[in-house]
């Protein structure tokens, strides 16, 4: 007798990918904050942007029946090397842009479907890299020039700008684990932690301590659950 397996609708699959994106929001800031890491704020912005774009695309395709084409592209993309994949992403994106400029929207749509499948494969590779030691992950990471341009906020590590100390960042991350801090606040703070100056980091620590001091509920997530 065949084992019964849950059947997920396309909309459910899209929601799962959206949750995956939200989980990565907590992974990348920790990598950027690590002293040994060469993973930069710009790397984090770009990779999270890629995953957001993939999730948005999957959500739309769940509604208009293009999933079969996407999965066919994804299956092909899994046979490509890392260099071939990034090169193909750049080529397909260029073709999609050219078709759009020429007014050939049907062909542009087909190229966008291919781009979605390729981007999903890149998202898979990113997930695999996060499970490796950071040194190996950085060596295998895709060249920035080969990635689609994602409108993301620029890192604040410009020349002459002093960044917050590692100790300040670690203290902020420790305080963010308190139930008094809302999840949205935690996500926002983590995404911008590497843009903080020492003065702003001090102010952030004081503000978080104030929130915790006013909190009357559980003091740990274990108790809160």
N, C-alpha and C. Protein backbone atom coordinates (compact mmCIF):
# COMPACT_ATOMS: atom_id res chain seq x y z
N UNK A 1 0.84 -1.20 0.00
CA UNK A 1 0.00 0.00 0.00
C UNK A 1 0.88 1.25 0.00
N UNK A 2 0.61 2.14 -0.91
CA UNK A 2 1.43 3.34 -1.03
C UNK A 2 1.27 4.22 0.20
N UNK A 3 2.38 4.81 0.60
CA UNK A 3 2.37 5.69 1.76
C UNK A 3 1.63 6.99 1.42
N UNK A 4 0.75 7.41 2.31
CA UNK A 4 0.03 8.65 2.10
C UNK A 4 0.96 9.83 2.37
N UNK A 5 1.05 10.73 1.43
CA UNK A 5 1.89 11.91 1.58
C UNK A 5 1.03 13.16 1.43
N UNK A 6 1.35 14.19 2.18
CA UNK A 6 0.55 15.41 2.06
C UNK A 6 0.72 16.04 0.68
N UNK A 7 -0.35 16.58 0.17
CA UNK A 7 -0.32 17.25 -1.12
C UNK A 7 -0.48 18.74 -0.89
N UNK A 8 0.52 19.51 -1.28
CA UNK A 8 0.50 20.94 -1.07
C UNK A 8 0.10 21.65 -2.36
N UNK A 9 -0.79 22.59 -2.23
CA UNK A 9 -1.19 23.37 -3.39
C UNK A 9 -0.05 24.29 -3.79
N UNK A 10 -0.14 24.86 -5.00
CA UNK A 10 0.89 25.79 -5.45
C UNK A 10 0.95 27.01 -4.55
N UNK A 11 -0.19 27.46 -4.06
CA UNK A 11 -0.20 28.60 -3.15
C UNK A 11 0.52 28.27 -1.85
N UNK A 12 0.34 27.03 -1.36
CA UNK A 12 1.05 26.60 -0.15
C UNK A 12 2.56 26.59 -0.38
N UNK A 13 2.97 26.14 -1.56
CA UNK A 13 4.40 26.12 -1.88
C UNK A 13 4.96 27.53 -1.91
N UNK A 14 4.20 28.45 -2.47
CA UNK A 14 4.64 29.84 -2.50
C UNK A 14 4.80 30.40 -1.09
N UNK A 15 3.85 30.06 -0.21
CA UNK A 15 3.92 30.53 1.17
C UNK A 15 5.14 29.95 1.89
N UNK A 16 5.47 28.69 1.57
CA UNK A 16 6.65 28.06 2.18
C UNK A 16 7.92 28.81 1.78
N UNK A 17 8.00 29.21 0.52
CA UNK A 17 9.18 29.94 0.07
C UNK A 17 9.24 31.32 0.71
N UNK A 18 8.09 31.94 0.91
CA UNK A 18 8.07 33.22 1.60
C UNK A 18 8.59 33.06 3.03
N UNK A 19 8.21 31.98 3.70
CA UNK A 19 8.71 31.74 5.06
C UNK A 19 10.21 31.50 5.05
N UNK A 20 10.71 30.82 4.01
CA UNK A 20 12.14 30.59 3.87
C UNK A 20 12.88 31.92 3.79
N UNK A 21 12.34 32.86 3.04
CA UNK A 21 12.96 34.18 2.94
C UNK A 21 13.04 34.84 4.31
N UNK A 22 11.94 34.78 5.06
CA UNK A 22 11.93 35.41 6.38
C UNK A 22 12.95 34.76 7.32
N UNK A 23 13.15 33.44 7.18
CA UNK A 23 14.14 32.75 8.00
C UNK A 23 15.54 33.24 7.67
N UNK A 24 15.81 33.48 6.40
CA UNK A 24 17.14 33.94 5.99
C UNK A 24 17.45 35.32 6.56
N UNK A 25 16.41 36.11 6.80
CA UNK A 25 16.62 37.43 7.37
C UNK A 25 17.38 37.32 8.69
N UNK A 26 17.18 36.24 9.43
CA UNK A 26 17.85 36.07 10.71
C UNK A 26 19.23 35.44 10.55
N UNK A 27 19.48 34.77 9.40
CA UNK A 27 20.75 34.09 9.18
C UNK A 27 21.83 35.05 8.71
N UNK A 28 21.53 35.85 7.70
CA UNK A 28 22.56 36.68 7.10
C UNK A 28 23.14 37.75 8.03
N UNK A 29 22.33 38.46 8.84
CA UNK A 29 22.93 39.46 9.73
C UNK A 29 23.96 38.87 10.68
N UNK A 30 23.74 37.64 11.15
CA UNK A 30 24.71 37.00 12.02
C UNK A 30 26.02 36.73 11.30
N UNK A 31 25.94 36.38 10.02
CA UNK A 31 27.16 36.15 9.25
C UNK A 31 27.93 37.45 9.04
N UNK A 32 27.19 38.53 8.79
CA UNK A 32 27.84 39.82 8.58
C UNK A 32 28.51 40.30 9.85
N UNK A 33 27.89 40.04 11.01
CA UNK A 33 28.40 40.53 12.28
C UNK A 33 29.62 39.75 12.76
N UNK A 34 29.85 38.55 12.22
CA UNK A 34 30.96 37.72 12.66
C UNK A 34 32.29 38.35 12.28
N UNK A 35 33.23 38.36 13.23
CA UNK A 35 34.55 38.94 12.98
C UNK A 35 35.30 38.19 11.89
N UNK A 36 35.11 36.86 11.82
CA UNK A 36 35.85 36.04 10.87
C UNK A 36 35.20 36.05 9.48
N UNK A 37 34.01 36.58 9.38
CA UNK A 37 33.27 36.50 8.13
C UNK A 37 33.72 37.57 7.14
N UNK A 38 33.76 37.19 5.87
CA UNK A 38 34.01 38.15 4.79
C UNK A 38 32.72 38.48 4.06
N UNK A 39 31.62 38.06 4.63
CA UNK A 39 30.28 38.30 4.07
C UNK A 39 29.87 39.72 4.43
N UNK A 40 29.67 40.58 3.43
CA UNK A 40 29.43 42.00 3.68
C UNK A 40 27.94 42.34 3.71
N UNK A 41 27.66 43.58 4.15
CA UNK A 41 26.27 44.06 4.16
C UNK A 41 25.70 44.04 2.74
N UNK A 42 26.52 44.41 1.76
CA UNK A 42 26.05 44.42 0.37
C UNK A 42 25.73 43.00 -0.10
N UNK A 43 26.56 42.02 0.30
CA UNK A 43 26.28 40.62 -0.04
C UNK A 43 24.93 40.20 0.53
N UNK A 44 24.69 40.57 1.79
CA UNK A 44 23.43 40.20 2.44
C UNK A 44 22.24 40.83 1.73
N UNK A 45 22.35 42.14 1.44
CA UNK A 45 21.25 42.83 0.76
C UNK A 45 20.95 42.17 -0.58
N UNK A 46 22.02 41.84 -1.32
CA UNK A 46 21.82 41.27 -2.66
C UNK A 46 21.18 39.89 -2.59
N UNK A 47 21.66 39.04 -1.68
CA UNK A 47 21.15 37.68 -1.63
C UNK A 47 19.73 37.61 -1.08
N UNK A 48 19.44 38.44 -0.07
CA UNK A 48 18.07 38.50 0.43
C UNK A 48 17.15 39.05 -0.66
N UNK A 49 17.65 40.03 -1.41
CA UNK A 49 16.87 40.58 -2.52
C UNK A 49 16.55 39.53 -3.56
N UNK A 50 17.52 38.67 -3.85
CA UNK A 50 17.30 37.59 -4.81
C UNK A 50 16.22 36.63 -4.33
N UNK A 51 16.27 36.29 -3.05
CA UNK A 51 15.28 35.35 -2.52
C UNK A 51 13.90 35.98 -2.47
N UNK A 52 13.84 37.26 -2.14
CA UNK A 52 12.55 37.95 -2.15
C UNK A 52 11.96 37.97 -3.56
N UNK A 53 12.82 38.25 -4.54
CA UNK A 53 12.35 38.28 -5.93
C UNK A 53 11.85 36.91 -6.36
N UNK A 54 12.58 35.86 -5.96
CA UNK A 54 12.16 34.50 -6.31
C UNK A 54 10.82 34.17 -5.66
N UNK A 55 10.67 34.53 -4.38
CA UNK A 55 9.43 34.24 -3.67
C UNK A 55 8.24 34.98 -4.29
N UNK A 56 8.46 36.25 -4.63
CA UNK A 56 7.39 37.02 -5.26
C UNK A 56 6.98 36.40 -6.59
N UNK A 57 8.00 35.97 -7.36
CA UNK A 57 7.71 35.37 -8.66
C UNK A 57 6.93 34.07 -8.51
N UNK A 58 7.34 33.24 -7.54
CA UNK A 58 6.63 31.98 -7.31
C UNK A 58 5.18 32.25 -6.90
N UNK A 59 4.99 33.25 -6.06
CA UNK A 59 3.63 33.59 -5.63
C UNK A 59 2.75 33.96 -6.81
N UNK A 60 3.28 34.73 -7.75
CA UNK A 60 2.51 35.14 -8.92
C UNK A 60 2.25 33.94 -9.84
N UNK A 61 3.28 33.11 -10.00
CA UNK A 61 3.13 31.97 -10.90
C UNK A 61 2.18 30.93 -10.34
N UNK A 62 2.02 30.90 -9.02
CA UNK A 62 1.06 29.97 -8.41
C UNK A 62 -0.36 30.32 -8.83
N UNK A 63 -0.56 31.57 -9.25
CA UNK A 63 -1.90 32.02 -9.62
C UNK A 63 -2.17 31.92 -11.12
N UNK A 64 -1.12 31.90 -11.94
CA UNK A 64 -1.38 31.93 -13.38
C UNK A 64 -0.90 30.68 -14.12
N UNK A 65 -0.55 29.61 -13.38
CA UNK A 65 -0.28 28.32 -14.02
C UNK A 65 1.04 28.18 -14.74
N UNK A 66 2.05 28.98 -14.42
CA UNK A 66 3.33 28.89 -15.10
C UNK A 66 4.33 28.01 -14.35
N UNK A 67 3.87 27.31 -13.33
CA UNK A 67 4.79 26.52 -12.51
C UNK A 67 5.48 25.41 -13.28
N UNK A 68 4.77 24.77 -14.22
CA UNK A 68 5.38 23.67 -14.97
C UNK A 68 6.62 24.15 -15.71
N UNK A 69 6.50 25.31 -16.37
CA UNK A 69 7.64 25.85 -17.10
C UNK A 69 8.77 26.22 -16.15
N UNK A 70 8.41 26.77 -14.99
CA UNK A 70 9.43 27.14 -14.02
C UNK A 70 10.20 25.91 -13.55
N UNK A 71 9.48 24.84 -13.21
CA UNK A 71 10.14 23.64 -12.70
C UNK A 71 10.99 22.97 -13.77
N UNK A 72 10.58 23.05 -15.03
CA UNK A 72 11.40 22.52 -16.11
C UNK A 72 12.73 23.26 -16.19
N UNK A 73 12.65 24.59 -16.05
CA UNK A 73 13.87 25.40 -16.07
C UNK A 73 14.73 25.09 -14.85
N UNK A 74 14.08 24.94 -13.69
CA UNK A 74 14.81 24.63 -12.46
C UNK A 74 15.54 23.30 -12.59
N UNK A 75 14.88 22.30 -13.18
CA UNK A 75 15.51 20.99 -13.35
C UNK A 75 16.75 21.09 -14.23
N UNK A 76 16.66 21.88 -15.30
CA UNK A 76 17.81 22.08 -16.18
C UNK A 76 18.92 22.84 -15.45
N UNK A 77 18.53 23.84 -14.66
CA UNK A 77 19.51 24.66 -13.95
C UNK A 77 20.32 23.84 -12.96
N UNK A 78 19.71 22.78 -12.43
CA UNK A 78 20.42 21.93 -11.46
C UNK A 78 21.54 21.12 -12.10
N UNK A 79 21.58 21.07 -13.42
CA UNK A 79 22.66 20.35 -14.11
C UNK A 79 23.81 21.28 -14.45
N UNK A 80 23.66 22.58 -14.21
CA UNK A 80 24.69 23.56 -14.56
C UNK A 80 25.69 23.73 -13.44
N UNK A 81 26.92 24.05 -13.82
CA UNK A 81 27.92 24.41 -12.82
C UNK A 81 27.60 25.79 -12.28
N UNK A 82 28.28 26.17 -11.20
CA UNK A 82 28.01 27.48 -10.60
C UNK A 82 28.31 28.60 -11.59
N UNK A 83 29.42 28.48 -12.31
CA UNK A 83 29.78 29.52 -13.28
C UNK A 83 28.78 29.57 -14.43
N UNK A 84 28.35 28.40 -14.90
CA UNK A 84 27.37 28.35 -15.98
C UNK A 84 26.04 28.95 -15.54
N UNK A 85 25.67 28.71 -14.29
CA UNK A 85 24.40 29.23 -13.77
C UNK A 85 24.41 30.75 -13.73
N UNK A 86 25.46 31.34 -13.16
CA UNK A 86 25.51 32.79 -13.06
C UNK A 86 25.59 33.45 -14.44
N UNK A 87 26.29 32.78 -15.36
CA UNK A 87 26.37 33.30 -16.73
C UNK A 87 25.01 33.25 -17.41
N UNK A 88 24.28 32.16 -17.19
CA UNK A 88 22.95 32.01 -17.80
C UNK A 88 21.97 33.02 -17.23
N UNK A 89 22.07 33.29 -15.92
CA UNK A 89 21.20 34.30 -15.31
C UNK A 89 21.40 35.65 -15.98
N UNK A 90 22.66 36.04 -16.16
CA UNK A 90 22.95 37.32 -16.80
C UNK A 90 22.43 37.36 -18.23
N UNK A 91 22.61 36.26 -18.97
CA UNK A 91 22.18 36.20 -20.38
C UNK A 91 20.66 36.30 -20.49
N UNK A 92 19.95 35.52 -19.66
CA UNK A 92 18.48 35.50 -19.73
C UNK A 92 17.91 36.85 -19.30
N UNK A 93 18.50 37.44 -18.29
CA UNK A 93 18.02 38.75 -17.85
C UNK A 93 18.18 39.79 -18.96
N UNK A 94 19.32 39.73 -19.66
CA UNK A 94 19.56 40.67 -20.75
C UNK A 94 18.54 40.47 -21.87
N UNK A 95 18.24 39.21 -22.19
CA UNK A 95 17.25 38.92 -23.24
C UNK A 95 15.86 39.41 -22.82
N UNK A 96 15.50 39.19 -21.56
CA UNK A 96 14.19 39.64 -21.08
C UNK A 96 14.07 41.16 -21.17
N UNK A 97 15.14 41.85 -20.80
CA UNK A 97 15.12 43.31 -20.89
C UNK A 97 15.00 43.78 -22.33
N UNK A 98 15.70 43.10 -23.25
CA UNK A 98 15.67 43.50 -24.66
C UNK A 98 14.29 43.26 -25.26
N UNK A 99 13.68 42.11 -24.95
CA UNK A 99 12.33 41.83 -25.45
C UNK A 99 11.32 42.85 -24.93
N UNK A 100 11.49 43.23 -23.67
CA UNK A 100 10.58 44.23 -23.09
C UNK A 100 10.74 45.57 -23.79
N UNK A 101 11.99 45.95 -24.05
CA UNK A 101 12.26 47.20 -24.76
C UNK A 101 11.67 47.18 -26.16
N UNK A 102 11.73 46.01 -26.82
CA UNK A 102 11.21 45.88 -28.19
C UNK A 102 9.69 45.74 -28.23
N UNK A 103 9.07 45.61 -27.06
CA UNK A 103 7.62 45.45 -27.02
C UNK A 103 7.14 44.03 -27.24
N UNK A 104 8.07 43.07 -27.28
CA UNK A 104 7.71 41.66 -27.46
C UNK A 104 7.45 41.06 -26.08
N UNK A 105 6.28 41.32 -25.54
CA UNK A 105 5.99 40.97 -24.15
C UNK A 105 5.86 39.47 -23.93
N UNK A 106 5.37 38.73 -24.92
CA UNK A 106 5.24 37.28 -24.76
C UNK A 106 6.61 36.63 -24.60
N UNK A 107 7.55 37.02 -25.46
CA UNK A 107 8.91 36.48 -25.34
C UNK A 107 9.56 36.95 -24.05
N UNK A 108 9.28 38.19 -23.66
CA UNK A 108 9.83 38.71 -22.40
C UNK A 108 9.32 37.89 -21.22
N UNK A 109 8.03 37.53 -21.28
CA UNK A 109 7.46 36.71 -20.20
C UNK A 109 8.14 35.35 -20.14
N UNK A 110 8.37 34.73 -21.29
CA UNK A 110 9.03 33.43 -21.32
C UNK A 110 10.42 33.49 -20.71
N UNK A 111 11.15 34.57 -21.03
CA UNK A 111 12.49 34.73 -20.47
C UNK A 111 12.43 34.95 -18.96
N UNK A 112 11.39 35.66 -18.51
CA UNK A 112 11.23 35.90 -17.07
C UNK A 112 10.94 34.60 -16.32
N UNK A 113 10.19 33.70 -16.98
CA UNK A 113 9.94 32.38 -16.38
C UNK A 113 11.26 31.63 -16.23
N UNK A 114 12.09 31.69 -17.27
CA UNK A 114 13.40 31.05 -17.19
C UNK A 114 14.24 31.66 -16.07
N UNK A 115 14.19 32.99 -15.99
CA UNK A 115 14.96 33.69 -14.96
C UNK A 115 14.50 33.28 -13.56
N UNK A 116 13.19 33.08 -13.40
CA UNK A 116 12.67 32.65 -12.10
C UNK A 116 13.22 31.28 -11.72
N UNK A 117 13.24 30.34 -12.68
CA UNK A 117 13.77 29.01 -12.40
C UNK A 117 15.25 29.05 -12.07
N UNK A 118 16.00 29.85 -12.81
CA UNK A 118 17.44 29.98 -12.55
C UNK A 118 17.69 30.62 -11.18
N UNK A 119 16.87 31.61 -10.84
CA UNK A 119 17.03 32.29 -9.56
C UNK A 119 16.70 31.36 -8.40
N UNK A 120 15.71 30.50 -8.59
CA UNK A 120 15.39 29.52 -7.55
C UNK A 120 16.56 28.57 -7.33
N UNK A 121 17.23 28.18 -8.41
CA UNK A 121 18.40 27.32 -8.27
C UNK A 121 19.50 28.05 -7.52
N UNK A 122 19.68 29.34 -7.82
CA UNK A 122 20.68 30.12 -7.11
C UNK A 122 20.32 30.22 -5.63
N UNK A 123 19.03 30.35 -5.33
CA UNK A 123 18.59 30.38 -3.93
C UNK A 123 18.91 29.06 -3.24
N UNK A 124 18.78 27.94 -3.96
CA UNK A 124 19.15 26.64 -3.39
C UNK A 124 20.63 26.60 -3.06
N UNK A 125 21.45 27.11 -3.98
CA UNK A 125 22.90 27.12 -3.74
C UNK A 125 23.25 27.98 -2.54
N UNK A 126 22.57 29.12 -2.41
CA UNK A 126 22.81 30.00 -1.26
C UNK A 126 22.50 29.25 0.03
N UNK A 127 21.40 28.50 0.03
CA UNK A 127 21.05 27.72 1.21
C UNK A 127 22.11 26.68 1.53
N UNK A 128 22.70 26.07 0.49
CA UNK A 128 23.75 25.09 0.71
C UNK A 128 25.01 25.75 1.27
N UNK A 129 25.29 26.97 0.80
CA UNK A 129 26.49 27.67 1.26
C UNK A 129 26.40 28.04 2.73
N UNK A 130 25.20 28.35 3.21
CA UNK A 130 25.06 28.74 4.62
C UNK A 130 25.35 27.58 5.55
N UNK A 131 25.30 26.35 5.03
CA UNK A 131 25.57 25.18 5.87
C UNK A 131 27.05 24.83 5.89
N UNK A 132 27.87 25.53 5.09
CA UNK A 132 29.30 25.26 5.03
C UNK A 132 30.06 26.25 5.90
N UNK A 133 31.33 25.94 6.24
CA UNK A 133 32.17 26.95 6.92
C UNK A 133 32.25 28.19 6.07
N UNK A 134 32.32 29.36 6.71
CA UNK A 134 32.23 30.62 5.98
C UNK A 134 33.32 30.78 4.94
N UNK A 135 34.53 30.28 5.21
CA UNK A 135 35.62 30.43 4.25
C UNK A 135 35.28 29.73 2.95
N UNK A 136 34.73 28.50 3.06
CA UNK A 136 34.34 27.77 1.85
C UNK A 136 33.19 28.45 1.15
N UNK A 137 32.26 28.97 1.93
CA UNK A 137 31.09 29.62 1.34
C UNK A 137 31.48 30.83 0.53
N UNK A 138 32.45 31.61 1.04
CA UNK A 138 32.83 32.83 0.33
C UNK A 138 33.53 32.50 -0.98
N UNK A 139 34.39 31.46 -0.96
CA UNK A 139 35.09 31.09 -2.17
C UNK A 139 34.14 30.63 -3.26
N UNK A 140 33.03 30.00 -2.85
CA UNK A 140 32.08 29.46 -3.82
C UNK A 140 30.97 30.43 -4.18
N UNK A 141 30.95 31.60 -3.54
CA UNK A 141 29.85 32.53 -3.78
C UNK A 141 29.93 33.11 -5.18
N UNK A 142 28.78 33.52 -5.71
CA UNK A 142 28.72 34.02 -7.08
C UNK A 142 29.32 35.41 -7.18
N UNK A 143 29.99 35.72 -8.30
CA UNK A 143 30.51 37.08 -8.49
C UNK A 143 29.38 38.08 -8.50
N UNK A 144 29.61 39.24 -7.87
CA UNK A 144 28.55 40.24 -7.76
C UNK A 144 28.08 40.71 -9.13
N UNK A 145 29.02 40.76 -10.10
CA UNK A 145 28.66 41.28 -11.41
C UNK A 145 27.71 40.37 -12.17
N UNK A 146 27.66 39.07 -11.75
CA UNK A 146 26.82 38.13 -12.48
C UNK A 146 25.41 38.03 -11.92
N UNK A 147 25.15 38.73 -10.84
CA UNK A 147 23.83 38.66 -10.22
C UNK A 147 22.92 39.74 -10.75
N UNK A 148 21.61 39.47 -10.83
CA UNK A 148 20.68 40.52 -11.22
C UNK A 148 20.75 41.69 -10.27
N UNK A 149 20.57 42.90 -10.80
CA UNK A 149 20.63 44.09 -9.97
C UNK A 149 19.34 44.20 -9.16
N UNK A 150 19.47 44.19 -7.83
CA UNK A 150 18.31 44.28 -6.95
C UNK A 150 18.33 45.63 -6.26
N UNK A 151 17.24 46.40 -6.31
CA UNK A 151 17.23 47.68 -5.60
C UNK A 151 17.24 47.46 -4.10
N UNK A 152 18.41 47.54 -3.49
CA UNK A 152 18.54 47.34 -2.05
C UNK A 152 19.27 48.52 -1.46
N UNK A 153 19.09 48.74 -0.17
CA UNK A 153 19.76 49.85 0.50
C UNK A 153 21.25 49.60 0.52
N UNK A 154 22.02 50.63 0.29
CA UNK A 154 23.48 50.50 0.23
C UNK A 154 24.06 50.38 1.62
N UNK A 155 25.19 49.67 1.72
CA UNK A 155 25.85 49.55 3.02
C UNK A 155 26.46 50.88 3.41
N UNK A 156 26.53 51.09 4.73
CA UNK A 156 27.00 52.38 5.23
C UNK A 156 28.48 52.36 5.54
N UNK A 157 29.20 51.39 4.99
CA UNK A 157 30.62 51.29 5.28
C UNK A 157 31.43 52.16 4.34
N UNK A 158 31.06 53.40 4.17
CA UNK A 158 31.78 54.32 3.30
C UNK A 158 33.03 54.80 4.01
N UNK A 159 33.95 55.32 3.24
CA UNK A 159 35.22 55.77 3.80
C UNK A 159 35.00 56.86 4.83
N UNK A 160 35.70 56.72 5.95
CA UNK A 160 35.61 57.74 6.97
C UNK A 160 34.48 57.53 7.95
N UNK A 161 33.63 56.52 7.75
CA UNK A 161 32.52 56.27 8.66
C UNK A 161 32.92 55.17 9.63
N UNK A 162 32.93 55.49 10.92
CA UNK A 162 33.31 54.52 11.93
C UNK A 162 32.13 53.62 12.25
N UNK A 163 32.37 52.33 12.27
CA UNK A 163 31.31 51.37 12.54
C UNK A 163 31.26 51.02 14.02
N UNK A 164 30.11 50.54 14.45
CA UNK A 164 29.97 50.10 15.84
C UNK A 164 30.90 48.92 16.10
N UNK A 165 31.32 48.77 17.35
CA UNK A 165 32.25 47.70 17.70
C UNK A 165 31.53 46.35 17.70
N UNK A 166 32.33 45.29 17.63
CA UNK A 166 31.77 43.94 17.68
C UNK A 166 31.03 43.72 18.99
N UNK A 167 31.59 44.25 20.08
CA UNK A 167 30.95 44.10 21.40
C UNK A 167 29.57 44.76 21.41
N UNK A 168 29.47 45.95 20.80
CA UNK A 168 28.17 46.63 20.75
C UNK A 168 27.16 45.82 19.94
N UNK A 169 27.61 45.27 18.81
CA UNK A 169 26.71 44.48 17.98
C UNK A 169 26.24 43.23 18.72
N UNK A 170 27.18 42.58 19.41
CA UNK A 170 26.82 41.38 20.15
C UNK A 170 25.82 41.69 21.27
N UNK A 171 25.99 42.85 21.93
CA UNK A 171 25.07 43.23 22.99
C UNK A 171 23.69 43.51 22.42
N UNK A 172 23.63 44.17 21.27
CA UNK A 172 22.35 44.44 20.63
C UNK A 172 21.65 43.14 20.26
N UNK A 173 22.40 42.20 19.68
CA UNK A 173 21.82 40.92 19.28
C UNK A 173 21.34 40.13 20.51
N UNK A 174 22.06 40.26 21.63
CA UNK A 174 21.63 39.59 22.86
C UNK A 174 20.31 40.17 23.35
N UNK A 175 20.21 41.51 23.34
CA UNK A 175 19.00 42.17 23.81
C UNK A 175 17.80 41.87 22.91
N UNK A 176 18.06 41.69 21.62
CA UNK A 176 16.97 41.42 20.68
C UNK A 176 16.30 40.07 20.94
N UNK A 177 16.97 39.19 21.67
CA UNK A 177 16.39 37.88 21.96
C UNK A 177 15.36 37.92 23.07
N UNK A 178 15.17 39.10 23.69
CA UNK A 178 14.19 39.22 24.77
C UNK A 178 12.79 39.32 24.19
N UNK A 179 11.80 38.66 24.81
CA UNK A 179 10.41 38.71 24.30
C UNK A 179 9.82 40.11 24.26
N UNK A 180 10.42 41.05 24.98
CA UNK A 180 9.89 42.42 24.97
C UNK A 180 10.05 43.07 23.61
N UNK A 181 10.98 42.55 22.79
CA UNK A 181 11.27 43.14 21.48
C UNK A 181 10.40 42.45 20.43
N UNK A 182 9.61 43.23 19.72
CA UNK A 182 8.73 42.68 18.68
C UNK A 182 9.55 42.08 17.55
N UNK A 183 9.00 41.07 16.89
CA UNK A 183 9.72 40.41 15.80
C UNK A 183 10.06 41.38 14.66
N UNK A 184 9.13 42.28 14.35
CA UNK A 184 9.40 43.25 13.28
C UNK A 184 10.55 44.17 13.66
N UNK A 185 10.61 44.55 14.94
CA UNK A 185 11.71 45.39 15.43
C UNK A 185 13.03 44.63 15.36
N UNK A 186 12.99 43.36 15.72
CA UNK A 186 14.20 42.54 15.67
C UNK A 186 14.73 42.44 14.24
N UNK A 187 13.84 42.15 13.30
CA UNK A 187 14.26 42.02 11.90
C UNK A 187 14.85 43.31 11.37
N UNK A 188 14.18 44.43 11.64
CA UNK A 188 14.66 45.72 11.16
C UNK A 188 16.03 46.05 11.74
N UNK A 189 16.20 45.78 13.03
CA UNK A 189 17.47 46.10 13.69
C UNK A 189 18.60 45.23 13.16
N UNK A 190 18.32 43.93 12.97
CA UNK A 190 19.35 43.02 12.47
C UNK A 190 19.80 43.39 11.06
N UNK A 191 18.86 43.79 10.23
CA UNK A 191 19.20 44.13 8.85
C UNK A 191 20.07 45.38 8.77
N UNK A 192 19.97 46.24 9.78
CA UNK A 192 20.71 47.50 9.74
C UNK A 192 21.84 47.56 10.76
N UNK A 193 22.13 46.45 11.43
CA UNK A 193 23.10 46.47 12.52
C UNK A 193 24.49 46.87 12.06
N UNK A 194 24.85 46.54 10.82
CA UNK A 194 26.18 46.87 10.34
C UNK A 194 26.29 48.27 9.76
N UNK A 195 25.19 49.02 9.82
CA UNK A 195 25.22 50.42 9.42
C UNK A 195 25.35 51.35 10.63
N UNK A 196 25.33 50.78 11.82
CA UNK A 196 25.34 51.60 13.03
C UNK A 196 26.72 52.17 13.32
N UNK A 197 26.74 53.42 13.74
CA UNK A 197 27.95 54.03 14.27
C UNK A 197 28.00 53.72 15.76
N UNK A 198 29.15 53.93 16.42
CA UNK A 198 29.22 53.68 17.87
C UNK A 198 28.16 54.45 18.64
N UNK A 199 27.90 55.70 18.24
CA UNK A 199 26.91 56.51 18.94
C UNK A 199 25.50 55.94 18.78
N UNK A 200 25.16 55.56 17.54
CA UNK A 200 23.83 55.01 17.29
C UNK A 200 23.67 53.65 17.97
N UNK A 201 24.76 52.88 18.02
CA UNK A 201 24.69 51.58 18.69
C UNK A 201 24.43 51.76 20.18
N UNK A 202 25.10 52.75 20.79
CA UNK A 202 24.88 53.03 22.21
C UNK A 202 23.43 53.42 22.46
N UNK A 203 22.90 54.28 21.58
CA UNK A 203 21.51 54.71 21.72
C UNK A 203 20.55 53.53 21.55
N UNK A 204 20.88 52.64 20.62
CA UNK A 204 20.03 51.47 20.39
C UNK A 204 20.03 50.55 21.61
N UNK A 205 21.20 50.35 22.21
CA UNK A 205 21.30 49.51 23.41
C UNK A 205 20.47 50.10 24.54
N UNK A 206 20.57 51.42 24.72
CA UNK A 206 19.80 52.08 25.78
C UNK A 206 18.30 51.94 25.53
N UNK A 207 17.90 52.07 24.27
CA UNK A 207 16.47 51.97 23.93
C UNK A 207 15.95 50.57 24.19
N UNK A 208 16.73 49.55 23.80
CA UNK A 208 16.32 48.17 24.01
C UNK A 208 16.25 47.84 25.50
N UNK A 209 17.21 48.34 26.26
CA UNK A 209 17.18 48.13 27.71
C UNK A 209 15.93 48.76 28.32
N UNK A 210 15.53 49.92 27.76
CA UNK A 210 14.32 50.58 28.23
C UNK A 210 13.08 49.75 27.96
N UNK A 211 13.01 49.16 26.75
CA UNK A 211 11.87 48.30 26.41
C UNK A 211 11.80 47.09 27.34
N UNK A 212 12.96 46.52 27.61
CA UNK A 212 13.01 45.33 28.46
C UNK A 212 12.61 45.68 29.89
N UNK A 213 13.05 46.86 30.36
CA UNK A 213 12.73 47.27 31.73
C UNK A 213 11.23 47.47 31.91
N UNK A 214 10.54 47.90 30.85
CA UNK A 214 9.10 48.14 30.93
C UNK A 214 8.28 46.88 30.71
N UNK A 215 8.95 45.81 30.28
CA UNK A 215 8.23 44.56 29.95
C UNK A 215 7.78 43.86 31.22
N UNK A 216 6.51 43.48 31.26
CA UNK A 216 5.95 42.83 32.46
C UNK A 216 5.65 41.35 32.24
N UNK A 217 5.86 40.87 31.03
CA UNK A 217 5.56 39.47 30.74
C UNK A 217 6.76 38.57 30.97
N UNK A 218 6.80 37.40 30.28
CA UNK A 218 7.90 36.44 30.42
C UNK A 218 9.23 37.07 30.05
N UNK A 219 10.31 36.58 30.62
CA UNK A 219 11.64 37.14 30.36
C UNK A 219 12.43 36.29 29.39
N UNK A 220 11.92 35.14 29.00
CA UNK A 220 12.57 34.29 28.01
C UNK A 220 11.54 33.75 27.04
N UNK A 221 12.00 33.36 25.85
CA UNK A 221 11.08 32.80 24.86
C UNK A 221 10.54 31.46 25.32
N UNK A 222 11.31 30.71 26.11
CA UNK A 222 10.84 29.43 26.60
C UNK A 222 9.62 29.63 27.49
N UNK A 223 9.70 30.63 28.40
CA UNK A 223 8.57 30.91 29.27
C UNK A 223 7.40 31.48 28.48
N UNK A 224 7.74 32.28 27.47
CA UNK A 224 6.67 32.90 26.68
C UNK A 224 5.87 31.87 25.91
N UNK A 225 6.54 30.78 25.52
CA UNK A 225 5.84 29.74 24.77
C UNK A 225 5.07 28.80 25.68
